[in-house]
Amino acid sequence: MVFVTVRHDVDFSHERVLTEEHDIVYRGDDGEAVKSGYVAPPVDVAAVREVRPD
């Protein structure tokens, strides 16, 4: 089990206009939330976009 806090800061004209945090728990493949026999669908590579901030 892994706990992760993800924080996003959005700045506009050198001023912080938005901050949000998400606490995410990764429980692994054997947790109760994983359905037996479930196979994740393939990722559509065309729908993935990498963003690199300046």
PDB file of N, CA and C in Angstrom:
ATOM      1  N   MET A   1       0.850  -1.157   0.000  1.00  0.00           N
ATOM      2  CA  MET A   1       0.000   0.000   0.000  1.00  0.00           C
ATOM      3  C   MET A   1       0.908   1.236   0.000  1.00  0.00           C
ATOM      4  N   VAL A   2       0.548   2.195  -0.856  1.00  0.00           N
ATOM      5  CA  VAL A   2       1.337   3.417  -0.984  1.00  0.00           C
ATOM      6  C   VAL A   2       0.397   4.610  -0.898  1.00  0.00           C
ATOM      7  N   PHE A   3       0.776   5.606  -0.111  1.00  0.00           N
ATOM      8  CA  PHE A   3       0.015   6.848   0.007  1.00  0.00           C
ATOM      9  C   PHE A   3       0.784   7.947  -0.712  1.00  0.00           C
ATOM     10  N   VAL A   4       0.071   8.697  -1.568  1.00  0.00           N
ATOM     11  CA  VAL A   4       0.708   9.749  -2.353  1.00  0.00           C
ATOM     12  C   VAL A   4      -0.156  11.005  -2.261  1.00  0.00           C
ATOM     13  N   THR A   5       0.492  12.140  -2.057  1.00  0.00           N
ATOM     14  CA  THR A   5      -0.201  13.419  -2.134  1.00  0.00           C
ATOM     15  C   THR A   5       0.281  14.124  -3.394  1.00  0.00           C
ATOM     16  N   VAL A   6      -0.663  14.461  -4.259  1.00  0.00           N
ATOM     17  CA  VAL A   6      -0.345  15.146  -5.507  1.00  0.00           C
ATOM     18  C   VAL A   6      -0.853  16.580  -5.378  1.00  0.00           C
ATOM     19  N   ARG A   7       0.026  17.518  -5.648  1.00  0.00           N
ATOM     20  CA  ARG A   7      -0.347  18.934  -5.551  1.00  0.00           C
ATOM     21  C   ARG A   7      -0.162  19.601  -6.907  1.00  0.00           C
ATOM     22  N   HIS A   8      -1.157  20.395  -7.278  1.00  0.00           N
ATOM     23  CA  HIS A   8      -1.111  21.156  -8.525  1.00  0.00           C
ATOM     24  C   HIS A   8      -1.210  22.629  -8.164  1.00  0.00           C
ATOM     25  N   ASP A   9      -0.266  23.424  -8.655  1.00  0.00           N
ATOM     26  CA  ASP A   9      -0.301  24.870  -8.497  1.00  0.00           C
ATOM     27  C   ASP A   9      -0.434  25.492  -9.883  1.00  0.00           C
ATOM     28  N   VAL A  10      -1.379  26.390 -10.014  1.00  0.00           N
ATOM     29  CA  VAL A  10      -1.580  27.082 -11.293  1.00  0.00           C
ATOM     30  C   VAL A  10      -1.287  28.561 -11.063  1.00  0.00           C
ATOM     31  N   ASP A  11      -0.360  29.082 -11.856  1.00  0.00           N
ATOM     32  CA  ASP A  11       0.017  30.491 -11.777  1.00  0.00           C
ATOM     33  C   ASP A  11      -0.402  31.211 -13.056  1.00  0.00           C
ATOM     34  N   PHE A  12      -0.768  32.462 -12.885  1.00  0.00           N
ATOM     35  CA  PHE A  12      -1.111  33.309 -14.023  1.00  0.00           C
ATOM     36  C   PHE A  12      -0.493  34.675 -13.770  1.00  0.00           C
ATOM     37  N   SER A  13       0.301  35.137 -14.717  1.00  0.00           N
ATOM     38  CA  SER A  13       0.991  36.433 -14.592  1.00  0.00           C
ATOM     39  C   SER A  13       1.779  36.514 -13.287  1.00  0.00           C
ATOM     40  N   HIS A  14       2.521  35.465 -13.012  1.00  0.00           N
ATOM     41  CA  HIS A  14       3.395  35.376 -11.833  1.00  0.00           C
ATOM     42  C   HIS A  14       2.619  35.431 -10.514  1.00  0.00           C
ATOM     43  N   GLU A  15       1.359  35.040 -10.533  1.00  0.00           N
ATOM     44  CA  GLU A  15       0.546  35.028  -9.323  1.00  0.00           C
ATOM     45  C   GLU A  15      -0.172  33.689  -9.212  1.00  0.00           C
ATOM     46  N   ARG A  16      -0.154  33.068  -8.042  1.00  0.00           N
ATOM     47  CA  ARG A  16      -0.836  31.796  -7.820  1.00  0.00           C
ATOM     48  C   ARG A  16      -2.327  32.026  -7.821  1.00  0.00           C
ATOM     49  N   VAL A  17      -3.038  31.350  -8.714  1.00  0.00           N
ATOM     50  CA  VAL A  17      -4.484  31.521  -8.815  1.00  0.00           C
ATOM     51  C   VAL A  17      -5.248  30.277  -8.375  1.00  0.00           C
ATOM     52  N   LEU A  18      -4.552  29.145  -8.279  1.00  0.00           N
ATOM     53  CA  LEU A  18      -5.235  27.914  -7.893  1.00  0.00           C
ATOM     54  C   LEU A  18      -4.232  26.933  -7.319  1.00  0.00           C
ATOM     55  N   THR A  19      -4.613  26.299  -6.224  1.00  0.00           N
ATOM     56  CA  THR A  19      -3.837  25.202  -5.648  1.00  0.00           C
ATOM     57  C   THR A  19      -4.819  24.105  -5.268  1.00  0.00           C
ATOM     58  N   GLU A  20      -4.493  22.885  -5.668  1.00  0.00           N
ATOM     59  CA  GLU A  20      -5.333  21.755  -5.269  1.00  0.00           C
ATOM     60  C   GLU A  20      -4.451  20.586  -4.897  1.00  0.00           C
ATOM     61  N   GLU A  21      -4.902  19.799  -3.935  1.00  0.00           N
ATOM     62  CA  GLU A  21      -4.176  18.608  -3.500  1.00  0.00           C
ATOM     63  C   GLU A  21      -5.105  17.406  -3.544  1.00  0.00           C
ATOM     64  N   HIS A  22      -4.531  16.274  -3.914  1.00  0.00           N
ATOM     65  CA  HIS A  22      -5.264  15.009  -3.938  1.00  0.00           C
ATOM     66  C   HIS A  22      -4.456  13.990  -3.147  1.00  0.00           C
ATOM     67  N   ASP A  23      -5.101  13.323  -2.210  1.00  0.00           N
ATOM     68  CA  ASP A  23      -4.473  12.222  -1.494  1.00  0.00           C
ATOM     69  C   ASP A  23      -4.933  10.934  -2.167  1.00  0.00           C
ATOM     70  N   ILE A  24      -3.980  10.167  -2.666  1.00  0.00           N
ATOM     71  CA  ILE A  24      -4.272   8.952  -3.432  1.00  0.00           C
ATOM     72  C   ILE A  24      -3.696   7.759  -2.689  1.00  0.00           C
ATOM     73  N   VAL A  25      -4.454   6.668  -2.647  1.00  0.00           N
ATOM     74  CA  VAL A  25      -3.993   5.429  -2.029  1.00  0.00           C
ATOM     75  C   VAL A  25      -3.937   4.357  -3.106  1.00  0.00           C
ATOM     76  N   TYR A  26      -2.751   3.791  -3.313  1.00  0.00           N
ATOM     77  CA  TYR A  26      -2.573   2.668  -4.232  1.00  0.00           C
ATOM     78  C   TYR A  26      -2.530   1.408  -3.380  1.00  0.00           C
ATOM     79  N   ARG A  27      -3.524   0.523  -3.558  1.00  0.00           N
ATOM     80  CA  ARG A  27      -3.631  -0.645  -2.692  1.00  0.00           C
ATOM     81  C   ARG A  27      -3.065  -1.919  -3.301  1.00  0.00           C
ATOM     82  N   GLY A  28      -2.652  -1.903  -4.529  1.00  0.00           N
ATOM     83  CA  GLY A  28      -2.090  -3.107  -5.131  1.00  0.00           C
ATOM     84  C   GLY A  28      -3.144  -3.932  -5.839  1.00  0.00           C
ATOM     85  N   ASP A  29      -2.715  -5.054  -6.401  1.00  0.00           N
ATOM     86  CA  ASP A  29      -3.599  -5.895  -7.208  1.00  0.00           C
ATOM     87  C   ASP A  29      -4.454  -6.858  -6.397  1.00  0.00           C
ATOM     88  N   ASP A  30      -4.159  -7.029  -5.118  1.00  0.00           N
ATOM     89  CA  ASP A  30      -4.867  -8.050  -4.348  1.00  0.00           C
ATOM     90  C   ASP A  30      -5.829  -7.456  -3.325  1.00  0.00           C
ATOM     91  N   GLY A  31      -6.167  -6.188  -3.421  1.00  0.00           N
ATOM     92  CA  GLY A  31      -7.090  -5.553  -2.484  1.00  0.00           C
ATOM     93  C   GLY A  31      -8.534  -5.919  -2.786  1.00  0.00           C
ATOM     94  N   GLU A  32      -9.409  -5.616  -1.842  1.00  0.00           N
ATOM     95  CA  GLU A  32     -10.828  -5.933  -2.004  1.00  0.00           C
ATOM     96  C   GLU A  32     -11.479  -5.187  -3.167  1.00  0.00           C
ATOM     97  N   ALA A  33     -10.946  -4.024  -3.526  1.00  0.00           N
ATOM     98  CA  ALA A  33     -11.559  -3.225  -4.589  1.00  0.00           C
ATOM     99  C   ALA A  33     -11.294  -3.791  -5.982  1.00  0.00           C
ATOM    100  N   VAL A  34     -10.359  -4.725  -6.085  1.00  0.00           N
ATOM    101  CA  VAL A  34     -10.036  -5.317  -7.386  1.00  0.00           C
ATOM    102  C   VAL A  34     -10.953  -6.510  -7.622  1.00  0.00           C
ATOM    103  N   LYS A  35     -11.681  -6.485  -8.727  1.00  0.00           N
ATOM    104  CA  LYS A  35     -12.588  -7.577  -9.050  1.00  0.00           C
ATOM    105  C   LYS A  35     -11.805  -8.781  -9.546  1.00  0.00           C
ATOM    106  N   SER A  36     -12.211  -9.944  -9.134  1.00  0.00           N
ATOM    107  CA  SER A  36     -11.570 -11.176  -9.558  1.00  0.00           C
ATOM    108  C   SER A  36     -11.697 -11.341 -11.064  1.00  0.00           C
ATOM    109  N   GLY A  37     -10.589 -11.598 -11.754  1.00  0.00           N
ATOM    110  CA  GLY A  37     -10.601 -11.821 -13.185  1.00  0.00           C
ATOM    111  C   GLY A  37     -10.640 -10.534 -14.011  1.00  0.00           C
ATOM    112  N   TYR A  38     -10.619  -9.391 -13.360  1.00  0.00           N
ATOM    113  CA  TYR A  38     -10.678  -8.115 -14.081  1.00  0.00           C
ATOM    114  C   TYR A  38      -9.359  -7.857 -14.795  1.00  0.00           C
ATOM    115  N   VAL A  39      -9.466  -7.495 -16.064  1.00  0.00           N
ATOM    116  CA  VAL A  39      -8.289  -7.125 -16.847  1.00  0.00           C
ATOM    117  C   VAL A  39      -8.492  -5.690 -17.315  1.00  0.00           C
ATOM    118  N   ALA A  40      -7.546  -4.825 -17.001  1.00  0.00           N
ATOM    119  CA  ALA A  40      -7.661  -3.418 -17.388  1.00  0.00           C
ATOM    120  C   ALA A  40      -7.646  -3.288 -18.910  1.00  0.00           C
ATOM    121  N   PRO A  41      -8.451  -2.381 -19.442  1.00  0.00           N
ATOM    122  CA  PRO A  41      -8.448  -2.191 -20.898  1.00  0.00           C
ATOM    123  C   PRO A  41      -7.124  -1.586 -21.352  1.00  0.00           C
ATOM    124  N   PRO A  42      -6.745  -1.809 -22.602  1.00  0.00           N
ATOM    125  CA  PRO A  42      -5.489  -1.236 -23.101  1.00  0.00           C
ATOM    126  C   PRO A  42      -5.581   0.288 -23.158  1.00  0.00           C
ATOM    127  N   VAL A  43      -4.446   0.938 -23.019  1.00  0.00           N
ATOM    128  CA  VAL A  43      -4.394   2.398 -23.071  1.00  0.00           C
ATOM    129  C   VAL A  43      -4.321   2.838 -24.527  1.00  0.00           C
ATOM    130  N   ASP A  44      -5.185   3.783 -24.887  1.00  0.00           N
ATOM    131  CA  ASP A  44      -5.179   4.344 -26.231  1.00  0.00           C
ATOM    132  C   ASP A  44      -4.049   5.368 -26.307  1.00  0.00           C
ATOM    133  N   VAL A  45      -2.967   5.009 -26.951  1.00  0.00           N
ATOM    134  CA  VAL A  45      -1.785   5.874 -27.005  1.00  0.00           C
ATOM    135  C   VAL A  45      -2.109   7.217 -27.646  1.00  0.00           C
ATOM    136  N   ALA A  46      -3.050   7.262 -28.542  1.00  0.00           N
ATOM    137  CA  ALA A  46      -3.411   8.510 -29.207  1.00  0.00           C
ATOM    138  C   ALA A  46      -4.054   9.485 -28.227  1.00  0.00           C
ATOM    139  N   ALA A  47      -4.586   8.974 -27.117  1.00  0.00           N
ATOM    140  CA  ALA A  47      -5.256   9.829 -26.138  1.00  0.00           C
ATOM    141  C   ALA A  47      -4.315  10.322 -25.046  1.00  0.00           C
ATOM    142  N   VAL A  48      -3.061   9.931 -25.093  1.00  0.00           N
ATOM    143  CA  VAL A  48      -2.094  10.336 -24.082  1.00  0.00           C
ATOM    144  C   VAL A  48      -1.346  11.572 -24.568  1.00  0.00           C
ATOM    145  N   ARG A  49      -1.226  12.558 -23.673  1.00  0.00           N
ATOM    146  CA  ARG A  49      -0.505  13.775 -24.023  1.00  0.00           C
ATOM    147  C   ARG A  49       0.443  14.133 -22.898  1.00  0.00           C
ATOM    148  N   GLU A  50       1.691  14.296 -23.210  1.00  0.00           N
ATOM    149  CA  GLU A  50       2.681  14.689 -22.221  1.00  0.00           C
ATOM    150  C   GLU A  50       2.810  16.205 -22.228  1.00  0.00           C
ATOM    151  N   VAL A  51       2.747  16.802 -21.058  1.00  0.00           N
ATOM    152  CA  VAL A  51       2.855  18.248 -20.937  1.00  0.00           C
ATOM    153  C   VAL A  51       4.082  18.573 -20.115  1.00  0.00           C
ATOM    154  N   ARG A  52       4.942  19.416 -20.645  1.00  0.00           N
ATOM    155  CA  ARG A  52       6.150  19.861 -19.932  1.00  0.00           C
ATOM    156  C   ARG A  52       6.057  21.379 -19.725  1.00  0.00           C
ATOM    157  N   PRO A  53       5.919  21.803 -18.469  1.00  0.00           N
ATOM    158  CA  PRO A  53       5.819  23.252 -18.220  1.00  0.00           C
ATOM    159  C   PRO A  53       7.130  23.960 -18.524  1.00  0.00           C
ATOM    160  N   ASP A  54       7.050  25.208 -18.877  1.00  0.00           N
ATOM    161  CA  ASP A  54       8.239  26.021 -19.170  1.00  0.00           C
ATOM    162  C   ASP A  54       9.007  26.335 -17.906  1.00  0.00           C
TER     163      ASP A  54
END
